[in-house]
């Protein structure tokens, strides 16, 4: 079962901190978005492996859009 890590607000993807296949611990930063000159980290909600990254740096995302998708371990 895939678990998307989602954008908390409408923002621009500033930085992706992981790559497909990476193992991440719950609480680790997986990406950073930027809105109104504020950087907002997106933290992994589970421990898992990065399954996909459906966005690119510079892309605009809406609140709730998947930024990184994890597969639980």
PDB file of N, CA and C in Angstrom:
ATOM      1  N   UNK A   1       0.841  -1.185   0.000  1.00  0.00           N
ATOM      2  CA  UNK A   1       0.000   0.000   0.000  1.00  0.00           C
ATOM      3  C   UNK A   1       0.885   1.248   0.000  1.00  0.00           C
ATOM      4  N   UNK A   2       0.735   2.081  -0.967  1.00  0.00           N
ATOM      5  CA  UNK A   2       1.517   3.308  -1.089  1.00  0.00           C
ATOM      6  C   UNK A   2       0.966   4.382  -0.164  1.00  0.00           C
ATOM      7  N   UNK A   3       1.876   5.190   0.377  1.00  0.00           N
ATOM      8  CA  UNK A   3       1.483   6.268   1.276  1.00  0.00           C
ATOM      9  C   UNK A   3       2.053   7.580   0.728  1.00  0.00           C
ATOM     10  N   UNK A   4       1.186   8.442   0.164  1.00  0.00           N
ATOM     11  CA  UNK A   4       1.694   9.712  -0.365  1.00  0.00           C
ATOM     12  C   UNK A   4       2.050  10.691   0.749  1.00  0.00           C
ATOM     13  N   UNK A   5       3.138  11.401   0.538  1.00  0.00           N
ATOM     14  CA  UNK A   5       3.540  12.496   1.417  1.00  0.00           C
ATOM     15  C   UNK A   5       3.118  13.753   0.675  1.00  0.00           C
ATOM     16  N   UNK A   6       2.216  14.531   1.258  1.00  0.00           N
ATOM     17  CA  UNK A   6       1.516  15.565   0.500  1.00  0.00           C
ATOM     18  C   UNK A   6       1.939  16.986   0.856  1.00  0.00           C
ATOM     19  N   UNK A   7       1.688  17.876  -0.092  1.00  0.00           N
ATOM     20  CA  UNK A   7       1.945  19.300   0.119  1.00  0.00           C
ATOM     21  C   UNK A   7       0.922  19.841   1.127  1.00  0.00           C
ATOM     22  N   UNK A   8       1.385  20.581   2.128  1.00  0.00           N
ATOM     23  CA  UNK A   8       0.461  21.113   3.125  1.00  0.00           C
ATOM     24  C   UNK A   8      -0.319  22.342   2.659  1.00  0.00           C
ATOM     25  N   UNK A   9       0.205  23.023   1.639  1.00  0.00           N
ATOM     26  CA  UNK A   9      -0.423  24.238   1.107  1.00  0.00           C
ATOM     27  C   UNK A   9      -0.080  24.357  -0.371  1.00  0.00           C
ATOM     28  N   UNK A  10      -0.714  25.293  -1.050  1.00  0.00           N
ATOM     29  CA  UNK A  10      -0.323  25.608  -2.422  1.00  0.00           C
ATOM     30  C   UNK A  10       1.074  26.218  -2.358  1.00  0.00           C
ATOM     31  N   UNK A  11       2.004  25.644  -3.122  1.00  0.00           N
ATOM     32  CA  UNK A  11       3.403  26.075  -3.029  1.00  0.00           C
ATOM     33  C   UNK A  11       4.174  25.632  -4.255  1.00  0.00           C
ATOM     34  N   UNK A  12       5.417  26.070  -4.314  1.00  0.00           N
ATOM     35  CA  UNK A  12       6.351  25.637  -5.344  1.00  0.00           C
ATOM     36  C   UNK A  12       7.296  24.607  -4.712  1.00  0.00           C
ATOM     37  N   UNK A  13       7.535  23.514  -5.428  1.00  0.00           N
ATOM     38  CA  UNK A  13       8.483  22.522  -4.923  1.00  0.00           C
ATOM     39  C   UNK A  13       9.869  23.135  -5.028  1.00  0.00           C
ATOM     40  N   UNK A  14      10.523  23.305  -3.902  1.00  0.00           N
ATOM     41  CA  UNK A  14      11.832  23.933  -3.884  1.00  0.00           C
ATOM     42  C   UNK A  14      12.936  22.898  -3.995  1.00  0.00           C
ATOM     43  N   UNK A  15      12.807  21.785  -3.250  1.00  0.00           N
ATOM     44  CA  UNK A  15      13.873  20.795  -3.230  1.00  0.00           C
ATOM     45  C   UNK A  15      13.309  19.426  -2.881  1.00  0.00           C
ATOM     46  N   UNK A  16      13.748  18.406  -3.623  1.00  0.00           N
ATOM     47  CA  UNK A  16      13.435  17.023  -3.302  1.00  0.00           C
ATOM     48  C   UNK A  16      14.655  16.457  -2.576  1.00  0.00           C
ATOM     49  N   UNK A  17      14.463  15.949  -1.377  1.00  0.00           N
ATOM     50  CA  UNK A  17      15.578  15.497  -0.534  1.00  0.00           C
ATOM     51  C   UNK A  17      15.883  14.006  -0.665  1.00  0.00           C
ATOM     52  N   UNK A  18      15.074  13.268  -1.435  1.00  0.00           N
ATOM     53  CA  UNK A  18      15.233  11.816  -1.546  1.00  0.00           C
ATOM     54  C   UNK A  18      15.239  11.398  -3.012  1.00  0.00           C
ATOM     55  N   UNK A  19      15.594  10.136  -3.249  1.00  0.00           N
ATOM     56  CA  UNK A  19      15.568   9.564  -4.596  1.00  0.00           C
ATOM     57  C   UNK A  19      14.769   8.266  -4.544  1.00  0.00           C
ATOM     58  N   UNK A  20      14.257   7.840  -5.684  1.00  0.00           N
ATOM     59  CA  UNK A  20      13.518   6.582  -5.753  1.00  0.00           C
ATOM     60  C   UNK A  20      14.421   5.455  -5.257  1.00  0.00           C
ATOM     61  N   UNK A  21      13.869   4.631  -4.384  1.00  0.00           N
ATOM     62  CA  UNK A  21      14.618   3.517  -3.814  1.00  0.00           C
ATOM     63  C   UNK A  21      15.247   3.813  -2.463  1.00  0.00           C
ATOM     64  N   UNK A  22      15.307   5.093  -2.080  1.00  0.00           N
ATOM     65  CA  UNK A  22      15.880   5.455  -0.777  1.00  0.00           C
ATOM     66  C   UNK A  22      14.996   4.937   0.351  1.00  0.00           C
ATOM     67  N   UNK A  23      15.637   4.503   1.445  1.00  0.00           N
ATOM     68  CA  UNK A  23      14.914   4.136   2.654  1.00  0.00           C
ATOM     69  C   UNK A  23      14.863   5.377   3.532  1.00  0.00           C
ATOM     70  N   UNK A  24      13.679   5.716   4.026  1.00  0.00           N
ATOM     71  CA  UNK A  24      13.534   6.894   4.884  1.00  0.00           C
ATOM     72  C   UNK A  24      12.853   6.498   6.190  1.00  0.00           C
ATOM     73  N   UNK A  25      13.238   7.174   7.237  1.00  0.00           N
ATOM     74  CA  UNK A  25      12.642   6.968   8.552  1.00  0.00           C
ATOM     75  C   UNK A  25      11.496   7.961   8.733  1.00  0.00           C
ATOM     76  N   UNK A  26      10.499   7.557   9.503  1.00  0.00           N
ATOM     77  CA  UNK A  26       9.407   8.473   9.839  1.00  0.00           C
ATOM     78  C   UNK A  26       9.999   9.728  10.464  1.00  0.00           C
ATOM     79  N   UNK A  27       9.550  10.885  10.026  1.00  0.00           N
ATOM     80  CA  UNK A  27      10.043  12.161  10.537  1.00  0.00           C
ATOM     81  C   UNK A  27      11.157  12.785   9.722  1.00  0.00           C
ATOM     82  N   UNK A  28      11.746  12.009   8.791  1.00  0.00           N
ATOM     83  CA  UNK A  28      12.811  12.558   7.941  1.00  0.00           C
ATOM     84  C   UNK A  28      12.222  13.520   6.917  1.00  0.00           C
ATOM     85  N   UNK A  29      12.968  14.531   6.547  1.00  0.00           N
ATOM     86  CA  UNK A  29      12.531  15.468   5.516  1.00  0.00           C
ATOM     87  C   UNK A  29      12.656  14.802   4.153  1.00  0.00           C
ATOM     88  N   UNK A  30      11.551  14.760   3.393  1.00  0.00           N
ATOM     89  CA  UNK A  30      11.592  14.161   2.055  1.00  0.00           C
ATOM     90  C   UNK A  30      11.590  15.220   0.957  1.00  0.00           C
ATOM     91  N   UNK A  31      11.083  16.405   1.271  1.00  0.00           N
ATOM     92  CA  UNK A  31      11.040  17.492   0.292  1.00  0.00           C
ATOM     93  C   UNK A  31      10.836  18.812   1.030  1.00  0.00           C
ATOM     94  N   UNK A  32      11.089  19.890   0.302  1.00  0.00           N
ATOM     95  CA  UNK A  32      10.848  21.229   0.846  1.00  0.00           C
ATOM     96  C   UNK A  32      10.065  22.005  -0.206  1.00  0.00           C
ATOM     97  N   UNK A  33       8.976  22.638   0.225  1.00  0.00           N
ATOM     98  CA  UNK A  33       8.212  23.502  -0.672  1.00  0.00           C
ATOM     99  C   UNK A  33       8.375  24.935  -0.198  1.00  0.00           C
ATOM    100  N   UNK A  34       8.091  25.870  -1.091  1.00  0.00           N
ATOM    101  CA  UNK A  34       8.248  27.285  -0.771  1.00  0.00           C
ATOM    102  C   UNK A  34       6.960  28.011  -1.122  1.00  0.00           C
ATOM    103  N   UNK A  35       6.512  28.831  -0.175  1.00  0.00           N
ATOM    104  CA  UNK A  35       5.324  29.650  -0.401  1.00  0.00           C
ATOM    105  C   UNK A  35       5.522  30.983   0.312  1.00  0.00           C
ATOM    106  N   UNK A  36       5.325  32.052  -0.398  1.00  0.00           N
ATOM    107  CA  UNK A  36       5.456  33.399   0.160  1.00  0.00           C
ATOM    108  C   UNK A  36       6.812  33.580   0.856  1.00  0.00           C
ATOM    109  N   UNK A  37       7.865  33.078   0.211  1.00  0.00           N
ATOM    110  CA  UNK A  37       9.252  33.198   0.671  1.00  0.00           C
ATOM    111  C   UNK A  37       9.527  32.418   1.961  1.00  0.00           C
ATOM    112  N   UNK A  38       8.646  31.491   2.309  1.00  0.00           N
ATOM    113  CA  UNK A  38       8.861  30.626   3.470  1.00  0.00           C
ATOM    114  C   UNK A  38       9.111  29.207   2.987  1.00  0.00           C
ATOM    115  N   UNK A  39      10.163  28.577   3.506  1.00  0.00           N
ATOM    116  CA  UNK A  39      10.456  27.185   3.185  1.00  0.00           C
ATOM    117  C   UNK A  39       9.700  26.300   4.173  1.00  0.00           C
ATOM    118  N   UNK A  40       8.987  25.316   3.639  1.00  0.00           N
ATOM    119  CA  UNK A  40       8.169  24.427   4.465  1.00  0.00           C
ATOM    120  C   UNK A  40       8.590  22.986   4.191  1.00  0.00           C
ATOM    121  N   UNK A  41       9.201  22.319   5.180  1.00  0.00           N
ATOM    122  CA  UNK A  41       9.611  20.933   4.960  1.00  0.00           C
ATOM    123  C   UNK A  41       8.414  19.990   4.963  1.00  0.00           C
ATOM    124  N   UNK A  42       8.526  18.936   4.173  1.00  0.00           N
ATOM    125  CA  UNK A  42       7.539  17.856   4.192  1.00  0.00           C
ATOM    126  C   UNK A  42       8.247  16.657   4.811  1.00  0.00           C
ATOM    127  N   UNK A  43       7.677  16.154   5.905  1.00  0.00           N
ATOM    128  CA  UNK A  43       8.284  15.063   6.657  1.00  0.00           C
ATOM    129  C   UNK A  43       7.604  13.744   6.324  1.00  0.00           C
ATOM    130  N   UNK A  44       8.398  12.663   6.305  1.00  0.00           N
ATOM    131  CA  UNK A  44       7.850  11.324   6.090  1.00  0.00           C
ATOM    132  C   UNK A  44       6.935  10.973   7.259  1.00  0.00           C
ATOM    133  N   UNK A  45       5.761  10.476   6.946  1.00  0.00           N
ATOM    134  CA  UNK A  45       4.809  10.096   7.993  1.00  0.00           C
ATOM    135  C   UNK A  45       5.002   8.646   8.427  1.00  0.00           C
ATOM    136  N   UNK A  46       5.772   7.887   7.636  1.00  0.00           N
ATOM    137  CA  UNK A  46       6.042   6.483   7.945  1.00  0.00           C
ATOM    138  C   UNK A  46       7.494   6.174   7.628  1.00  0.00           C
ATOM    139  N   UNK A  47       7.989   5.053   8.136  1.00  0.00           N
ATOM    140  CA  UNK A  47       9.280   4.529   7.693  1.00  0.00           C
ATOM    141  C   UNK A  47       9.000   3.692   6.457  1.00  0.00           C
ATOM    142  N   UNK A  48       9.748   3.934   5.395  1.00  0.00           N
ATOM    143  CA  UNK A  48       9.498   3.199   4.163  1.00  0.00           C
ATOM    144  C   UNK A  48      10.550   3.448   3.108  1.00  0.00           C
ATOM    145  N   UNK A  49      10.225   3.018   1.891  1.00  0.00           N
ATOM    146  CA  UNK A  49      11.104   3.165   0.737  1.00  0.00           C
ATOM    147  C   UNK A  49      10.406   4.086  -0.271  1.00  0.00           C
ATOM    148  N   UNK A  50      11.168   5.003  -0.860  1.00  0.00           N
ATOM    149  CA  UNK A  50      10.604   5.924  -1.848  1.00  0.00           C
ATOM    150  C   UNK A  50      10.211   5.131  -3.094  1.00  0.00           C
ATOM    151  N   UNK A  51       8.919   5.130  -3.383  1.00  0.00           N
ATOM    152  CA  UNK A  51       8.367   4.402  -4.529  1.00  0.00           C
ATOM    153  C   UNK A  51       8.344   5.283  -5.778  1.00  0.00           C
ATOM    154  N   UNK A  52       7.932   6.539  -5.601  1.00  0.00           N
ATOM    155  CA  UNK A  52       7.877   7.456  -6.738  1.00  0.00           C
ATOM    156  C   UNK A  52       7.961   8.898  -6.251  1.00  0.00           C
ATOM    157  N   UNK A  53       8.322   9.772  -7.189  1.00  0.00           N
ATOM    158  CA  UNK A  53       8.378  11.210  -6.942  1.00  0.00           C
ATOM    159  C   UNK A  53       7.633  11.865  -8.107  1.00  0.00           C
ATOM    160  N   UNK A  54       6.323  12.112  -7.919  1.00  0.00           N
ATOM    161  CA  UNK A  54       5.500  12.591  -9.037  1.00  0.00           C
ATOM    162  C   UNK A  54       5.632  14.077  -9.372  1.00  0.00           C
ATOM    163  N   UNK A  55       6.582  14.770  -8.739  1.00  0.00           N
ATOM    164  CA  UNK A  55       6.772  16.203  -9.001  1.00  0.00           C
ATOM    165  C   UNK A  55       8.241  16.483  -9.272  1.00  0.00           C
ATOM    166  N   UNK A  56       8.517  17.679  -9.758  1.00  0.00           N
ATOM    167  CA  UNK A  56       9.886  18.140 -10.001  1.00  0.00           C
ATOM    168  C   UNK A  56      10.103  19.459  -9.277  1.00  0.00           C
ATOM    169  N   UNK A  57      11.355  19.760  -8.981  1.00  0.00           N
ATOM    170  CA  UNK A  57      11.688  21.060  -8.403  1.00  0.00           C
ATOM    171  C   UNK A  57      11.172  22.156  -9.334  1.00  0.00           C
ATOM    172  N   UNK A  58      10.572  23.173  -8.744  1.00  0.00           N
ATOM    173  CA  UNK A  58      10.029  24.286  -9.509  1.00  0.00           C
ATOM    174  C   UNK A  58       8.558  24.145  -9.855  1.00  0.00           C
ATOM    175  N   UNK A  59       8.022  22.957  -9.696  1.00  0.00           N
ATOM    176  CA  UNK A  59       6.617  22.710 -10.028  1.00  0.00           C
ATOM    177  C   UNK A  59       5.708  23.285  -8.944  1.00  0.00           C
ATOM    178  N   UNK A  60       4.571  23.819  -9.351  1.00  0.00           N
ATOM    179  CA  UNK A  60       3.560  24.306  -8.411  1.00  0.00           C
ATOM    180  C   UNK A  60       2.675  23.126  -8.021  1.00  0.00           C
ATOM    181  N   UNK A  61       2.445  22.975  -6.714  1.00  0.00           N
ATOM    182  CA  UNK A  61       1.572  21.920  -6.212  1.00  0.00           C
ATOM    183  C   UNK A  61       0.422  22.548  -5.437  1.00  0.00           C
ATOM    184  N   UNK A  62      -0.683  21.845  -5.432  1.00  0.00           N
ATOM    185  CA  UNK A  62      -1.856  22.265  -4.676  1.00  0.00           C
ATOM    186  C   UNK A  62      -1.851  21.569  -3.314  1.00  0.00           C
ATOM    187  N   UNK A  63      -2.561  22.132  -2.371  1.00  0.00           N
ATOM    188  CA  UNK A  63      -2.689  21.486  -1.054  1.00  0.00           C
ATOM    189  C   UNK A  63      -3.209  20.057  -1.242  1.00  0.00           C
ATOM    190  N   UNK A  64      -2.519  19.092  -0.665  1.00  0.00           N
ATOM    191  CA  UNK A  64      -2.935  17.700  -0.746  1.00  0.00           C
ATOM    192  C   UNK A  64      -2.327  16.922  -1.903  1.00  0.00           C
ATOM    193  N   UNK A  65      -1.615  17.588  -2.816  1.00  0.00           N
ATOM    194  CA  UNK A  65      -0.949  16.875  -3.921  1.00  0.00           C
ATOM    195  C   UNK A  65       0.190  16.020  -3.374  1.00  0.00           C
ATOM    196  N   UNK A  66       0.345  14.816  -3.932  1.00  0.00           N
ATOM    197  CA  UNK A  66       1.460  13.953  -3.556  1.00  0.00           C
ATOM    198  C   UNK A  66       2.763  14.542  -4.065  1.00  0.00           C
ATOM    199  N   UNK A  67       3.747  14.610  -3.193  1.00  0.00           N
ATOM    200  CA  UNK A  67       5.064  15.117  -3.557  1.00  0.00           C
ATOM    201  C   UNK A  67       6.058  13.941  -3.634  1.00  0.00           C
ATOM    202  N   UNK A  68       5.964  13.040  -2.669  1.00  0.00           N
ATOM    203  CA  UNK A  68       6.761  11.812  -2.620  1.00  0.00           C
ATOM    204  C   UNK A  68       5.826  10.689  -2.189  1.00  0.00           C
ATOM    205  N   UNK A  69       5.988   9.512  -2.785  1.00  0.00           N
ATOM    206  CA  UNK A  69       5.153   8.369  -2.418  1.00  0.00           C
ATOM    207  C   UNK A  69       6.059   7.299  -1.805  1.00  0.00           C
ATOM    208  N   UNK A  70       5.680   6.834  -0.618  1.00  0.00           N
ATOM    209  CA  UNK A  70       6.459   5.831   0.101  1.00  0.00           C
ATOM    210  C   UNK A  70       5.720   4.493   0.152  1.00  0.00           C
ATOM    211  N   UNK A  71       6.493   3.415   0.150  1.00  0.00           N
ATOM    212  CA  UNK A  71       5.979   2.077   0.423  1.00  0.00           C
ATOM    213  C   UNK A  71       6.430   1.709   1.822  1.00  0.00           C
ATOM    214  N   UNK A  72       5.511   1.318   2.698  1.00  0.00           N
ATOM    215  CA  UNK A  72       5.912   0.984   4.060  1.00  0.00           C
ATOM    216  C   UNK A  72       6.836  -0.222   4.120  1.00  0.00           C
ATOM    217  N   UNK A  73       7.692  -0.259   5.127  1.00  0.00           N
ATOM    218  CA  UNK A  73       8.563  -1.423   5.340  1.00  0.00           C
ATOM    219  C   UNK A  73       7.873  -2.409   6.261  1.00  0.00           C
TER     220      UNK A  73
END
